[in-house]
Amino acid sequence: MDTVISDTKDGVATVTLHRPEQRNALNLQMAIDLHAAIKEAETDARVRIVLIRGTGTSFCAGADLKERVGVTEAWLRNRRQTAFAAYNAIQWCMKPCVAVAHGPVIGAGCEVATACDFIIASTRATFRYPEAAVGSVGASQRLPRIVGRAMAKELIFTGRTIDAAEALRIGLVNHVVEPDQLEAKVAETVGMILKAYPLSVQLAKRCVDVGMESDLRTGMDFEMMAIDRCLADEEWKKGVQAFSAQRKKD
């Protein structure tokens, strides 16, 4: 894959957007490569967590508008559907996905980042939704589910840039740290997730996502099925034994 670099080590798949000269602007090939990389990580038994990053100064500068010059409406529709498939692959990946935003996150980059389960950001990260300014529509579904309806509309209508501090305040990102502390924060978070049981994490992810799209009763029923699945796998016995062993040490 030319536009995405994928590497797996110690249970972590790192998927890196790699068009640094274009500030990792998302073109058709990157959307195809990103989709493939996520699907590969999802089916790789070694992978417990997926990190999505960007090379160069930006996480992702949005859609590559240069590739749209002279194209047909049919081509552009296919291009958007291909990008949507990549975002959905991230959101519905069985493994937890974490975006590491070290720099600007714009448009399609915001879709990639918010399709992840959460975002860890550097103070150098900024976020902007410029679609309305270029005659398109974007971020109308994931963004309001994260920051609320009114804030999402403001960001989409105005296209204004928000810094990492505001992104943290409105719930768009989970953590903001200084640039020289970003890798340590990512490693700390990854380490804590790796201590949990893989099946429990995967089922918890699915329970949260299903619950957010349904009523409480349906969500609780889904969680009970997830608990039954853990019981069938005897994950709970391992957890109880580990907890008991730790209590004895303490």
Foldseek 3Di string as FASTA:
>chain_A
DVQWDWDDDQQEIEIEGHPQVQLSADWQVSLVVLLVRLVVLLPDPSHQEYEYAYDHAWRYAYHDCVVVPPDDPVVVVVSVVSNVSSLQSQLLRLHQYEYETEAEQEASSLSNHLSGPFYEYEQRYKYWYCQVVVPHDDPCPSVCLFQNDVVSCVRNVPRDMDTPVVCCVSRRHPYYYHNVCRVVVVVVVVVVSVVDDRLVVSLVSVLVVVPSVDPPVVSVVSVVVSVVVCVVVVVVVVVVVVVVVVVVVD
